[in-house]
Amino acid sequence: MLLLMLLLMLLLLLLQLQLLLQQLLLLLLLLLLMLLLLLMLILLLLLMLLLLLLLLLLPLLLMLLLLMLLLLLLLILMLLLMLLALLLQLLLLLPQQLLLLLLLLLLLLLLLLMLLLLLLLLLLQLLLLLLLQQLLILLLLLLLPLLLILLLLLLLLLLMMLLLLLLLQLLLLLLLYYYFYYYYCNFYCCYCCCCYCCYCCCCCFSCC
C-alpha cells in the first residue's frame, strides 16, 4: 500500500511538472510577443524622432527662403525706383493733368506693393503657425509610443514575475521528486526487502 501511495505521489508530481512546463512555454511565447511589440514601438519612436528633427530643421530652411524673398523684394524696389526716376524725367516734358494722373497711378502702385508685402507677411505667419501645430502634434505622437512602451515594460515585468514563480514551483516539485524517488523509496525498499529481492520496488536500484 505504501508503495502504491508513493507511485501515485510520483505520478501526481510528474503531472504537475508537465502542467508547469506548459505554462512556462505559454509565458515564454507571451514574452516573445511583448518583446516584438516593444521593438516595433521603439522603431516607431525612432521614426517620430526623425520627423521631429526634420521639422526642427525646417525653420532654418524657412529663414533662408525669407532672406531670399527679402533680397528679391529689395531688387524689385530698386527697379521700381529706377522706373520712377525715368517716369519723372518723362513727366517733366508732359502737361500738368497728365502729371497728376501719373502721380495717382504711382500712388496706387505703391499701395498695391504695400498690400502685397502685408499679404506675404501674413502668409509667413500662417506657415509658422502651421509648423508649430505640426510640432505639437508630433510631440503628442511621440508621447503615445512612450506611454505604450511603459505599459509594455510593466506587462513584461509582470510576466517575468509569473515566470519566476513558476520556476520556483518547478524547483520545489523537482526537490520533492528527488526526495521521494532517491531517498524515501530506496530506503523503504532496502528496509523491507533486506537486499534479497531487487524487484520489490520499481525505484529500488541501489539496494540491489
N, C-alpha and C. Protein backbone atom coordinates (compact mmCIF):
# COMPACT_ATOMS: atom_id res chain seq x y z
N MET A 1 0.83 -1.21 0.00
CA MET A 1 0.00 0.00 0.00
C MET A 1 0.87 1.27 0.00
N LEU A 2 1.88 1.21 0.81
CA LEU A 2 2.77 2.37 0.84
C LEU A 2 3.48 2.59 -0.49
N LEU A 3 3.82 1.47 -1.12
CA LEU A 3 4.46 1.59 -2.42
C LEU A 3 3.50 2.18 -3.45
N LEU A 4 2.25 1.76 -3.41
CA LEU A 4 1.26 2.32 -4.32
C LEU A 4 1.05 3.81 -4.07
N MET A 5 1.01 4.18 -2.80
CA MET A 5 0.87 5.60 -2.48
C MET A 5 2.06 6.41 -3.00
N LEU A 6 3.23 5.82 -2.86
CA LEU A 6 4.41 6.51 -3.37
C LEU A 6 4.37 6.66 -4.89
N LEU A 7 3.93 5.60 -5.55
CA LEU A 7 3.82 5.68 -7.00
C LEU A 7 2.80 6.72 -7.44
N LEU A 8 1.68 6.78 -6.73
CA LEU A 8 0.67 7.79 -7.04
C LEU A 8 1.21 9.20 -6.82
N MET A 9 1.94 9.36 -5.74
CA MET A 9 2.53 10.68 -5.49
C MET A 9 3.53 11.06 -6.58
N LEU A 10 4.29 10.07 -7.04
CA LEU A 10 5.23 10.35 -8.12
C LEU A 10 4.51 10.72 -9.42
N LEU A 11 3.42 10.01 -9.70
CA LEU A 11 2.64 10.34 -10.89
C LEU A 11 2.04 11.75 -10.81
N LEU A 12 1.54 12.10 -9.63
CA LEU A 12 1.00 13.44 -9.44
C LEU A 12 2.08 14.51 -9.62
N LEU A 13 3.24 14.22 -9.11
CA LEU A 13 4.34 15.16 -9.29
C LEU A 13 4.72 15.32 -10.76
N LEU A 14 4.72 14.20 -11.48
CA LEU A 14 5.03 14.28 -12.91
C LEU A 14 3.98 15.07 -13.68
N LEU A 15 2.71 14.88 -13.33
CA LEU A 15 1.64 15.65 -13.98
C LEU A 15 1.77 17.14 -13.69
N GLN A 16 2.08 17.44 -12.44
CA GLN A 16 2.28 18.86 -12.09
C GLN A 16 3.47 19.45 -12.84
N LEU A 17 4.51 18.65 -13.00
CA LEU A 17 5.67 19.13 -13.76
C LEU A 17 5.30 19.39 -15.22
N GLN A 18 4.50 18.51 -15.79
CA GLN A 18 4.07 18.72 -17.18
C GLN A 18 3.24 19.98 -17.33
N LEU A 19 2.31 20.20 -16.39
CA LEU A 19 1.49 21.42 -16.44
C LEU A 19 2.35 22.67 -16.28
N LEU A 20 3.29 22.60 -15.38
CA LEU A 20 4.17 23.75 -15.20
C LEU A 20 5.01 24.04 -16.44
N LEU A 21 5.46 22.98 -17.09
CA LEU A 21 6.23 23.19 -18.32
C LEU A 21 5.37 23.82 -19.42
N GLN A 22 4.12 23.38 -19.52
CA GLN A 22 3.22 24.01 -20.49
C GLN A 22 2.99 25.48 -20.17
N GLN A 23 2.78 25.78 -18.89
CA GLN A 23 2.60 27.18 -18.51
C GLN A 23 3.85 28.00 -18.80
N LEU A 24 5.00 27.41 -18.57
CA LEU A 24 6.25 28.12 -18.87
C LEU A 24 6.40 28.40 -20.36
N LEU A 25 6.02 27.45 -21.19
CA LEU A 25 6.08 27.67 -22.63
C LEU A 25 5.14 28.79 -23.06
N LEU A 26 3.93 28.80 -22.51
CA LEU A 26 2.99 29.87 -22.84
C LEU A 26 3.52 31.24 -22.40
N LEU A 27 4.09 31.28 -21.23
CA LEU A 27 4.65 32.55 -20.76
C LEU A 27 5.83 33.01 -21.62
N LEU A 28 6.63 32.06 -22.04
CA LEU A 28 7.74 32.43 -22.92
C LEU A 28 7.25 32.97 -24.26
N LEU A 29 6.20 32.36 -24.79
CA LEU A 29 5.62 32.88 -26.03
C LEU A 29 5.06 34.29 -25.83
N LEU A 30 4.39 34.50 -24.71
CA LEU A 30 3.88 35.84 -24.42
C LEU A 30 5.00 36.86 -24.29
N LEU A 31 6.07 36.44 -23.65
CA LEU A 31 7.22 37.34 -23.52
C LEU A 31 7.82 37.69 -24.88
N LEU A 32 7.90 36.70 -25.76
CA LEU A 32 8.42 36.98 -27.10
C LEU A 32 7.52 37.95 -27.86
N LEU A 33 6.22 37.75 -27.74
CA LEU A 33 5.29 38.68 -28.40
C LEU A 33 5.43 40.09 -27.84
N MET A 34 5.55 40.19 -26.53
CA MET A 34 5.72 41.51 -25.92
C MET A 34 7.02 42.17 -26.38
N LEU A 35 8.06 41.38 -26.49
CA LEU A 35 9.33 41.94 -26.95
C LEU A 35 9.24 42.42 -28.40
N LEU A 36 8.52 41.66 -29.23
CA LEU A 36 8.33 42.11 -30.61
C LEU A 36 7.54 43.41 -30.68
N LEU A 37 6.49 43.50 -29.87
CA LEU A 37 5.73 44.75 -29.83
C LEU A 37 6.58 45.91 -29.34
N LEU A 38 7.41 45.61 -28.36
CA LEU A 38 8.29 46.66 -27.84
C LEU A 38 9.28 47.14 -28.91
N LEU A 39 9.82 46.21 -29.68
CA LEU A 39 10.73 46.60 -30.76
C LEU A 39 10.02 47.44 -31.83
N MET A 40 8.79 47.04 -32.15
CA MET A 40 8.03 47.82 -33.13
C MET A 40 7.75 49.23 -32.64
N LEU A 41 7.41 49.35 -31.36
CA LEU A 41 7.16 50.68 -30.81
C LEU A 41 8.44 51.52 -30.75
N ILE A 42 9.55 50.87 -30.48
CA ILE A 42 10.82 51.61 -30.46
C ILE A 42 11.16 52.11 -31.87
N LEU A 43 10.91 51.27 -32.88
CA LEU A 43 11.12 51.72 -34.25
C LEU A 43 10.20 52.88 -34.62
N LEU A 44 8.95 52.78 -34.17
CA LEU A 44 8.03 53.88 -34.42
C LEU A 44 8.48 55.17 -33.75
N LEU A 45 9.00 55.03 -32.54
CA LEU A 45 9.51 56.19 -31.82
C LEU A 45 10.71 56.81 -32.54
N LEU A 46 11.57 55.96 -33.08
CA LEU A 46 12.72 56.48 -33.83
C LEU A 46 12.28 57.23 -35.08
N LEU A 47 11.26 56.70 -35.76
CA LEU A 47 10.74 57.41 -36.93
C LEU A 47 10.15 58.76 -36.55
N MET A 48 9.44 58.78 -35.42
CA MET A 48 8.89 60.06 -34.97
C MET A 48 9.99 61.06 -34.62
N LEU A 49 11.05 60.56 -34.03
CA LEU A 49 12.17 61.46 -33.71
C LEU A 49 12.83 62.00 -34.98
N LEU A 50 12.93 61.16 -36.00
CA LEU A 50 13.48 61.65 -37.26
C LEU A 50 12.60 62.73 -37.88
N LEU A 51 11.29 62.51 -37.83
CA LEU A 51 10.39 63.54 -38.34
C LEU A 51 10.50 64.84 -37.54
N LEU A 52 10.65 64.67 -36.23
CA LEU A 52 10.80 65.87 -35.40
C LEU A 52 12.08 66.63 -35.73
N LEU A 53 13.15 65.89 -35.97
CA LEU A 53 14.40 66.55 -36.36
C LEU A 53 14.26 67.27 -37.70
N LEU A 54 13.56 66.62 -38.62
CA LEU A 54 13.33 67.28 -39.91
C LEU A 54 12.53 68.57 -39.76
N LEU A 55 11.52 68.49 -38.89
CA LEU A 55 10.72 69.70 -38.68
C LEU A 55 11.49 70.78 -37.92
N LEU A 56 12.41 70.34 -37.09
CA LEU A 56 13.26 71.34 -36.42
C LEU A 56 14.23 71.98 -37.40
N LEU A 57 14.63 71.24 -38.42
CA LEU A 57 15.50 71.83 -39.44
C LEU A 57 14.73 72.71 -40.42
N LEU A 58 13.43 72.50 -40.52
CA LEU A 58 12.63 73.30 -41.44
C LEU A 58 12.67 74.80 -41.16
N PRO A 59 12.64 75.24 -39.90
CA PRO A 59 12.76 76.70 -39.67
C PRO A 59 14.01 77.33 -40.27
N LEU A 60 15.12 76.59 -40.27
CA LEU A 60 16.32 77.13 -40.92
C LEU A 60 16.10 77.32 -42.42
N LEU A 61 15.46 76.33 -43.03
CA LEU A 61 15.15 76.48 -44.45
C LEU A 61 14.19 77.63 -44.69
N LEU A 62 13.25 77.78 -43.78
CA LEU A 62 12.32 78.91 -43.92
C LEU A 62 13.04 80.24 -43.77
N MET A 63 14.01 80.30 -42.87
CA MET A 63 14.77 81.55 -42.74
C MET A 63 15.55 81.86 -44.02
N LEU A 64 16.12 80.81 -44.62
CA LEU A 64 16.82 81.05 -45.89
C LEU A 64 15.87 81.52 -46.98
N LEU A 65 14.70 80.90 -47.03
CA LEU A 65 13.71 81.34 -48.01
C LEU A 65 13.26 82.78 -47.76
N LEU A 66 13.11 83.12 -46.49
CA LEU A 66 12.73 84.50 -46.17
C LEU A 66 13.81 85.49 -46.60
N LEU A 67 15.06 85.13 -46.38
CA LEU A 67 16.13 86.02 -46.82
C LEU A 67 16.14 86.19 -48.34
N MET A 68 15.90 85.06 -49.04
CA MET A 68 15.84 85.17 -50.49
C MET A 68 14.67 86.04 -50.94
N LEU A 69 13.52 85.90 -50.27
CA LEU A 69 12.37 86.74 -50.60
C LEU A 69 12.66 88.22 -50.34
N LEU A 70 13.34 88.49 -49.23
CA LEU A 70 13.68 89.88 -48.94
C LEU A 70 14.63 90.47 -49.98
N LEU A 71 15.59 89.65 -50.40
CA LEU A 71 16.50 90.13 -51.45
C LEU A 71 15.76 90.42 -52.75
N LEU A 72 14.83 89.52 -53.08
CA LEU A 72 14.05 89.76 -54.29
C LEU A 72 13.20 91.02 -54.18
N LEU A 73 12.62 91.22 -52.99
CA LEU A 73 11.82 92.44 -52.80
C LEU A 73 12.67 93.70 -52.90
N LEU A 74 13.89 93.63 -52.35
CA LEU A 74 14.78 94.79 -52.48
C LEU A 74 15.15 95.07 -53.94
N LEU A 75 15.40 93.99 -54.69
CA LEU A 75 15.69 94.20 -56.11
C LEU A 75 14.49 94.79 -56.85
N ILE A 76 13.29 94.30 -56.49
CA ILE A 76 12.09 94.85 -57.13
C ILE A 76 11.91 96.33 -56.78
N LEU A 77 12.17 96.67 -55.51
CA LEU A 77 12.05 98.08 -55.12
C LEU A 77 13.08 98.96 -55.84
N MET A 78 14.31 98.44 -55.99
CA MET A 78 15.31 99.21 -56.73
C MET A 78 14.90 99.42 -58.19
N LEU A 79 14.36 98.38 -58.80
CA LEU A 79 13.88 98.54 -60.18
C LEU A 79 12.73 99.54 -60.26
N LEU A 80 11.84 99.49 -59.27
CA LEU A 80 10.72 100.44 -59.26
C LEU A 80 11.22 101.88 -59.08
N LEU A 81 12.23 102.06 -58.23
CA LEU A 81 12.79 103.41 -58.07
C LEU A 81 13.43 103.91 -59.36
N MET A 82 14.12 103.01 -60.05
CA MET A 82 14.70 103.41 -61.34
C MET A 82 13.61 103.77 -62.35
N LEU A 83 12.52 102.98 -62.34
CA LEU A 83 11.41 103.31 -63.23
C LEU A 83 10.76 104.64 -62.85
N LEU A 84 10.64 104.87 -61.53
CA LEU A 84 10.08 106.16 -61.10
C LEU A 84 10.94 107.33 -61.55
N ALA A 85 12.24 107.16 -61.45
CA ALA A 85 13.13 108.24 -61.90
C ALA A 85 12.97 108.51 -63.40
N LEU A 86 12.88 107.41 -64.17
CA LEU A 86 12.67 107.61 -65.61
C LEU A 86 11.32 108.25 -65.91
N LEU A 87 10.28 107.84 -65.14
CA LEU A 87 8.96 108.43 -65.35
C LEU A 87 8.93 109.91 -64.99
N LEU A 88 9.64 110.25 -63.91
CA LEU A 88 9.70 111.67 -63.54
C LEU A 88 10.40 112.50 -64.62
N GLN A 89 11.44 111.92 -65.18
CA GLN A 89 12.10 112.65 -66.28
C GLN A 89 11.17 112.82 -67.47
N LEU A 90 10.32 111.80 -67.71
CA LEU A 90 9.35 111.93 -68.80
C LEU A 90 8.22 112.90 -68.46
N LEU A 91 7.82 112.88 -67.15
CA LEU A 91 6.70 113.73 -66.73
C LEU A 91 7.04 115.22 -66.83
N LEU A 92 8.30 115.51 -66.69
CA LEU A 92 8.68 116.92 -66.81
C LEU A 92 8.41 117.48 -68.20
N LEU A 93 8.30 116.59 -69.16
CA LEU A 93 8.04 117.03 -70.53
C LEU A 93 6.56 117.04 -70.89
N LEU A 94 5.66 116.58 -69.94
CA LEU A 94 4.22 116.48 -70.22
C LEU A 94 3.45 117.59 -69.53
N PRO A 95 2.16 117.81 -69.94
CA PRO A 95 1.33 118.82 -69.26
C PRO A 95 0.99 118.44 -67.84
N GLN A 96 0.35 119.37 -67.09
CA GLN A 96 0.09 119.19 -65.66
C GLN A 96 -0.97 118.11 -65.39
N GLN A 97 -2.03 117.99 -66.19
CA GLN A 97 -3.07 116.98 -65.95
C GLN A 97 -2.51 115.56 -66.07
N LEU A 98 -1.72 115.37 -67.10
CA LEU A 98 -1.08 114.05 -67.23
C LEU A 98 -0.14 113.77 -66.05
N LEU A 99 0.50 114.81 -65.57
CA LEU A 99 1.37 114.62 -64.39
C LEU A 99 0.56 114.14 -63.19
N LEU A 100 -0.62 114.76 -62.96
CA LEU A 100 -1.47 114.35 -61.84
C LEU A 100 -1.94 112.91 -61.98
N LEU A 101 -2.36 112.54 -63.18
CA LEU A 101 -2.82 111.17 -63.40
C LEU A 101 -1.69 110.15 -63.18
N LEU A 102 -0.55 110.48 -63.67
CA LEU A 102 0.58 109.56 -63.47
C LEU A 102 1.00 109.47 -62.01
N LEU A 103 0.91 110.59 -61.29
CA LEU A 103 1.20 110.54 -59.85
C LEU A 103 0.20 109.66 -59.10
N LEU A 104 -1.09 109.77 -59.49
CA LEU A 104 -2.11 108.90 -58.88
C LEU A 104 -1.83 107.43 -59.18
N LEU A 105 -1.44 107.15 -60.40
CA LEU A 105 -1.11 105.76 -60.75
C LEU A 105 0.08 105.25 -59.94
N LEU A 106 1.05 106.10 -59.75
CA LEU A 106 2.21 105.70 -58.95
C LEU A 106 1.82 105.43 -57.50
N LEU A 107 0.94 106.28 -56.96
CA LEU A 107 0.46 106.05 -55.59
C LEU A 107 -0.29 104.72 -55.48
N LEU A 108 -1.12 104.45 -56.49
CA LEU A 108 -1.84 103.17 -56.49
C LEU A 108 -0.88 101.98 -56.57
N LEU A 109 0.14 102.12 -57.38
CA LEU A 109 1.14 101.04 -57.46
C LEU A 109 1.86 100.84 -56.12
N LEU A 110 2.19 101.94 -55.46
CA LEU A 110 2.84 101.82 -54.15
C LEU A 110 1.92 101.15 -53.12
N LEU A 111 0.64 101.54 -53.15
CA LEU A 111 -0.32 100.89 -52.25
C LEU A 111 -0.45 99.40 -52.55
N LEU A 112 -0.44 99.08 -53.84
CA LEU A 112 -0.53 97.67 -54.22
C LEU A 112 0.69 96.90 -53.72
N LEU A 113 1.85 97.49 -53.84
CA LEU A 113 3.07 96.83 -53.33
C LEU A 113 3.01 96.65 -51.81
N MET A 114 2.52 97.65 -51.10
CA MET A 114 2.40 97.52 -49.65
C MET A 114 1.42 96.41 -49.27
N LEU A 115 0.32 96.33 -50.04
CA LEU A 115 -0.64 95.24 -49.77
C LEU A 115 -0.03 93.87 -50.05
N LEU A 116 0.76 93.80 -51.11
CA LEU A 116 1.44 92.53 -51.40
C LEU A 116 2.43 92.15 -50.30
N LEU A 117 3.15 93.12 -49.78
CA LEU A 117 4.07 92.85 -48.67
C LEU A 117 3.32 92.38 -47.43
N LEU A 118 2.20 93.03 -47.13
CA LEU A 118 1.40 92.59 -45.99
C LEU A 118 0.87 91.18 -46.18
N LEU A 119 0.47 90.88 -47.42
CA LEU A 119 -0.01 89.53 -47.71
C LEU A 119 1.09 88.49 -47.51
N LEU A 120 2.28 88.82 -47.96
CA LEU A 120 3.41 87.90 -47.76
C LEU A 120 3.71 87.69 -46.27
N LEU A 121 3.65 88.75 -45.51
CA LEU A 121 3.88 88.62 -44.07
C LEU A 121 2.83 87.75 -43.40
N LEU A 122 1.58 87.94 -43.81
CA LEU A 122 0.52 87.10 -43.26
C LEU A 122 0.70 85.63 -43.63
N LEU A 123 1.12 85.39 -44.86
CA LEU A 123 1.37 84.01 -45.28
C LEU A 123 2.51 83.38 -44.49
N LEU A 124 3.54 84.16 -44.24
CA LEU A 124 4.65 83.64 -43.43
C LEU A 124 4.21 83.34 -42.00
N GLN A 125 3.41 84.21 -41.42
CA GLN A 125 2.89 83.93 -40.08
C GLN A 125 2.03 82.67 -40.07
N LEU A 126 1.24 82.50 -41.12
CA LEU A 126 0.40 81.30 -41.21
C LEU A 126 1.26 80.04 -41.30
N LEU A 127 2.32 80.11 -42.10
CA LEU A 127 3.22 78.96 -42.20
C LEU A 127 3.88 78.64 -40.87
N LEU A 128 4.29 79.66 -40.16
CA LEU A 128 4.91 79.44 -38.85
C LEU A 128 3.93 78.81 -37.86
N LEU A 129 2.69 79.27 -37.89
CA LEU A 129 1.68 78.69 -37.01
C LEU A 129 1.41 77.23 -37.36
N LEU A 130 1.37 76.94 -38.65
CA LEU A 130 1.16 75.55 -39.07
C LEU A 130 2.31 74.66 -38.63
N LEU A 131 3.53 75.19 -38.73
CA LEU A 131 4.68 74.41 -38.28
C LEU A 131 4.64 74.17 -36.78
N LEU A 132 4.22 75.17 -36.02
CA LEU A 132 4.10 74.98 -34.58
C LEU A 132 3.04 73.94 -34.24
N GLN A 133 1.93 73.97 -34.96
CA GLN A 133 0.89 72.96 -34.74
C GLN A 133 1.40 71.57 -35.08
N GLN A 134 2.16 71.45 -36.16
CA GLN A 134 2.73 70.16 -36.51
C GLN A 134 3.70 69.67 -35.46
N LEU A 135 4.45 70.60 -34.89
CA LEU A 135 5.37 70.20 -33.82
C LEU A 135 4.60 69.70 -32.60
N LEU A 136 3.51 70.37 -32.27
CA LEU A 136 2.71 69.91 -31.14
C LEU A 136 2.11 68.54 -31.41
N ILE A 137 1.63 68.34 -32.63
CA ILE A 137 1.05 67.04 -32.98
C ILE A 137 2.12 65.95 -32.92
N LEU A 138 3.31 66.28 -33.40
CA LEU A 138 4.39 65.29 -33.35
C LEU A 138 4.82 64.98 -31.92
N LEU A 139 4.81 65.99 -31.08
CA LEU A 139 5.14 65.73 -29.68
C LEU A 139 4.11 64.80 -29.04
N LEU A 140 2.85 65.03 -29.36
CA LEU A 140 1.81 64.13 -28.85
C LEU A 140 1.99 62.72 -29.39
N LEU A 141 2.32 62.63 -30.68
CA LEU A 141 2.56 61.31 -31.26
C LEU A 141 3.79 60.64 -30.68
N LEU A 142 4.74 61.43 -30.25
CA LEU A 142 5.91 60.85 -29.57
C LEU A 142 5.57 60.38 -28.17
N LEU A 143 4.69 61.11 -27.51
CA LEU A 143 4.32 60.71 -26.15
C LEU A 143 3.51 59.41 -26.14
N LEU A 144 2.69 59.22 -27.16
CA LEU A 144 1.88 57.99 -27.20
C LEU A 144 2.74 56.72 -27.27
N PRO A 145 3.73 56.63 -28.18
CA PRO A 145 4.59 55.44 -28.14
C PRO A 145 5.35 55.28 -26.83
N LEU A 146 5.74 56.38 -26.22
CA LEU A 146 6.43 56.28 -24.93
C LEU A 146 5.52 55.67 -23.87
N LEU A 147 4.27 56.10 -23.85
CA LEU A 147 3.32 55.52 -22.90
C LEU A 147 3.08 54.04 -23.18
N LEU A 148 2.97 53.71 -24.46
CA LEU A 148 2.79 52.30 -24.81
C LEU A 148 4.01 51.46 -24.43
N ILE A 149 5.18 52.03 -24.60
CA ILE A 149 6.40 51.31 -24.21
C ILE A 149 6.44 51.09 -22.70
N LEU A 150 6.03 52.10 -21.94
CA LEU A 150 5.99 51.94 -20.49
C LEU A 150 5.00 50.86 -20.08
N LEU A 151 3.83 50.85 -20.73
CA LEU A 151 2.85 49.81 -20.42
C LEU A 151 3.38 48.43 -20.77
N LEU A 152 4.04 48.33 -21.90
CA LEU A 152 4.61 47.03 -22.27
C LEU A 152 5.71 46.59 -21.32
N LEU A 153 6.48 47.54 -20.85
CA LEU A 153 7.51 47.19 -19.87
C LEU A 153 6.90 46.70 -18.56
N LEU A 154 5.81 47.34 -18.15
CA LEU A 154 5.11 46.86 -16.96
C LEU A 154 4.56 45.45 -17.15
N LEU A 155 3.99 45.21 -18.33
CA LEU A 155 3.49 43.87 -18.62
C LEU A 155 4.62 42.84 -18.65
N LEU A 156 5.74 43.25 -19.21
CA LEU A 156 6.89 42.35 -19.21
C LEU A 156 7.38 42.05 -17.80
N LEU A 157 7.36 43.03 -16.95
CA LEU A 157 7.76 42.80 -15.56
C LEU A 157 6.81 41.83 -14.87
N LEU A 158 5.51 42.01 -15.12
CA LEU A 158 4.54 41.09 -14.53
C LEU A 158 4.74 39.66 -15.05
N LEU A 159 4.97 39.55 -16.35
CA LEU A 159 5.21 38.22 -16.90
C LEU A 159 6.49 37.60 -16.37
N MET A 160 7.49 38.41 -16.17
CA MET A 160 8.73 37.89 -15.58
C MET A 160 8.51 37.42 -14.14
N MET A 161 7.69 38.15 -13.40
CA MET A 161 7.36 37.71 -12.05
C MET A 161 6.63 36.38 -12.06
N LEU A 162 5.66 36.26 -12.97
CA LEU A 162 4.94 34.98 -13.09
C LEU A 162 5.89 33.85 -13.50
N LEU A 163 6.79 34.17 -14.38
CA LEU A 163 7.76 33.16 -14.80
C LEU A 163 8.66 32.73 -13.64
N LEU A 164 9.07 33.67 -12.83
CA LEU A 164 9.88 33.33 -11.67
C LEU A 164 9.11 32.47 -10.67
N LEU A 165 7.84 32.81 -10.48
CA LEU A 165 7.02 31.99 -9.58
C LEU A 165 6.87 30.57 -10.10
N LEU A 166 6.65 30.44 -11.39
CA LEU A 166 6.54 29.10 -11.97
C LEU A 166 7.85 28.33 -11.87
N LEU A 167 8.94 29.03 -12.05
CA LEU A 167 10.24 28.37 -11.90
C LEU A 167 10.48 27.91 -10.47
N LEU A 168 10.05 28.73 -9.53
CA LEU A 168 10.17 28.31 -8.13
C LEU A 168 9.32 27.08 -7.84
N GLN A 169 8.10 27.07 -8.37
CA GLN A 169 7.26 25.89 -8.19
C GLN A 169 7.89 24.66 -8.84
N LEU A 170 8.48 24.87 -10.00
CA LEU A 170 9.15 23.76 -10.67
C LEU A 170 10.32 23.23 -9.84
N LEU A 171 11.08 24.12 -9.26
CA LEU A 171 12.19 23.68 -8.41
C LEU A 171 11.70 22.92 -7.18
N LEU A 172 10.62 23.41 -6.59
CA LEU A 172 10.06 22.70 -5.43
C LEU A 172 9.58 21.31 -5.81
N LEU A 173 8.91 21.22 -6.95
CA LEU A 173 8.45 19.90 -7.39
C LEU A 173 9.62 18.97 -7.70
N LEU A 174 10.65 19.51 -8.29
CA LEU A 174 11.84 18.68 -8.55
C LEU A 174 12.50 18.21 -7.25
N LEU A 175 12.51 19.08 -6.27
CA LEU A 175 13.07 18.66 -4.97
C LEU A 175 12.23 17.57 -4.33
N LEU A 176 10.92 17.74 -4.40
CA LEU A 176 10.05 16.70 -3.87
C LEU A 176 10.22 15.38 -4.62
N TYR A 177 10.30 15.49 -5.92
CA TYR A 177 10.51 14.29 -6.73
C TYR A 177 11.83 13.61 -6.36
N TYR A 178 12.86 14.40 -6.21
CA TYR A 178 14.15 13.84 -5.82
C TYR A 178 14.07 13.17 -4.45
N TYR A 179 13.37 13.82 -3.55
CA TYR A 179 13.27 13.27 -2.20
C TYR A 179 12.54 11.93 -2.22
N PHE A 180 11.41 11.85 -2.88
CA PHE A 180 10.63 10.61 -2.87
C PHE A 180 11.29 9.52 -3.69
N TYR A 181 11.92 9.90 -4.75
CA TYR A 181 12.47 8.88 -5.64
C TYR A 181 13.81 8.34 -5.15
N TYR A 182 14.70 9.21 -4.75
CA TYR A 182 16.06 8.79 -4.44
C TYR A 182 16.31 8.52 -2.96
N TYR A 183 15.44 9.00 -2.13
CA TYR A 183 15.71 8.84 -0.70
C TYR A 183 14.70 7.92 -0.03
N TYR A 184 13.45 8.35 -0.06
CA TYR A 184 12.44 7.61 0.68
C TYR A 184 12.17 6.25 0.07
N CYS A 185 12.03 6.15 -1.24
CA CYS A 185 11.70 4.90 -1.89
C CYS A 185 12.84 3.89 -1.75
N ASN A 186 14.05 4.32 -1.97
CA ASN A 186 15.20 3.42 -1.85
C ASN A 186 15.38 2.94 -0.41
N PHE A 187 15.19 3.84 0.51
CA PHE A 187 15.35 3.45 1.90
C PHE A 187 14.28 2.44 2.31
N TYR A 188 13.04 2.72 1.88
CA TYR A 188 11.96 1.80 2.24
C TYR A 188 12.15 0.44 1.57
N CYS A 189 12.59 0.41 0.33
CA CYS A 189 12.80 -0.84 -0.37
C CYS A 189 13.90 -1.66 0.29
N CYS A 190 14.97 -1.05 0.61
CA CYS A 190 16.07 -1.78 1.24
C CYS A 190 15.69 -2.24 2.65
N TYR A 191 14.85 -1.48 3.30
CA TYR A 191 14.46 -1.88 4.64
C TYR A 191 13.49 -3.06 4.61
N CYS A 192 12.57 -3.07 3.63
CA CYS A 192 11.57 -4.14 3.61
C CYS A 192 12.09 -5.39 2.94
N CYS A 193 12.99 -5.26 1.98
CA CYS A 193 13.45 -6.43 1.24
C CYS A 193 14.73 -7.01 1.81
N CYS A 194 15.41 -6.21 2.57
CA CYS A 194 16.69 -6.65 3.17
C CYS A 194 17.68 -7.06 2.09
N CYS A 195 17.57 -6.41 0.96
CA CYS A 195 18.52 -6.60 -0.14
C CYS A 195 18.48 -8.02 -0.72
N TYR A 196 17.34 -8.71 -0.63
CA TYR A 196 17.22 -10.05 -1.21
C TYR A 196 16.50 -10.04 -2.56
N CYS A 197 15.52 -9.16 -2.71
CA CYS A 197 14.80 -9.11 -3.98
C CYS A 197 14.99 -7.73 -4.61
N CYS A 198 15.37 -7.72 -5.81
CA CYS A 198 15.62 -6.45 -6.48
C CYS A 198 14.37 -5.89 -7.13
N TYR A 199 13.36 -6.71 -7.30
CA TYR A 199 12.16 -6.27 -7.97
C TYR A 199 11.02 -5.95 -7.01
N CYS A 200 11.32 -5.80 -5.73
CA CYS A 200 10.25 -5.50 -4.79
C CYS A 200 9.72 -4.08 -4.96
N CYS A 201 10.56 -3.21 -5.48
CA CYS A 201 10.15 -1.82 -5.70
C CYS A 201 10.75 -1.36 -7.02
N CYS A 202 9.94 -0.65 -7.79
CA CYS A 202 10.42 -0.22 -9.11
C CYS A 202 11.54 0.80 -9.01
N CYS A 203 11.60 1.50 -7.90
CA CYS A 203 12.63 2.53 -7.75
C CYS A 203 13.78 2.06 -6.90
N CYS A 204 13.77 0.83 -6.55
CA CYS A 204 14.83 0.31 -5.67
C CYS A 204 15.94 -0.25 -6.53
N PHE A 205 16.93 0.54 -6.83
CA PHE A 205 18.06 0.09 -7.62
C PHE A 205 19.35 0.03 -6.80
N SER A 206 19.47 0.94 -5.88
CA SER A 206 20.73 0.98 -5.14
C SER A 206 20.88 -0.19 -4.17
N CYS A 207 19.75 -0.67 -3.63
CA CYS A 207 19.87 -1.76 -2.66
C CYS A 207 20.23 -3.06 -3.34
N CYS A 208 19.91 -3.17 -4.64
CA CYS A 208 20.28 -4.40 -5.33
C CYS A 208 21.75 -4.39 -5.72
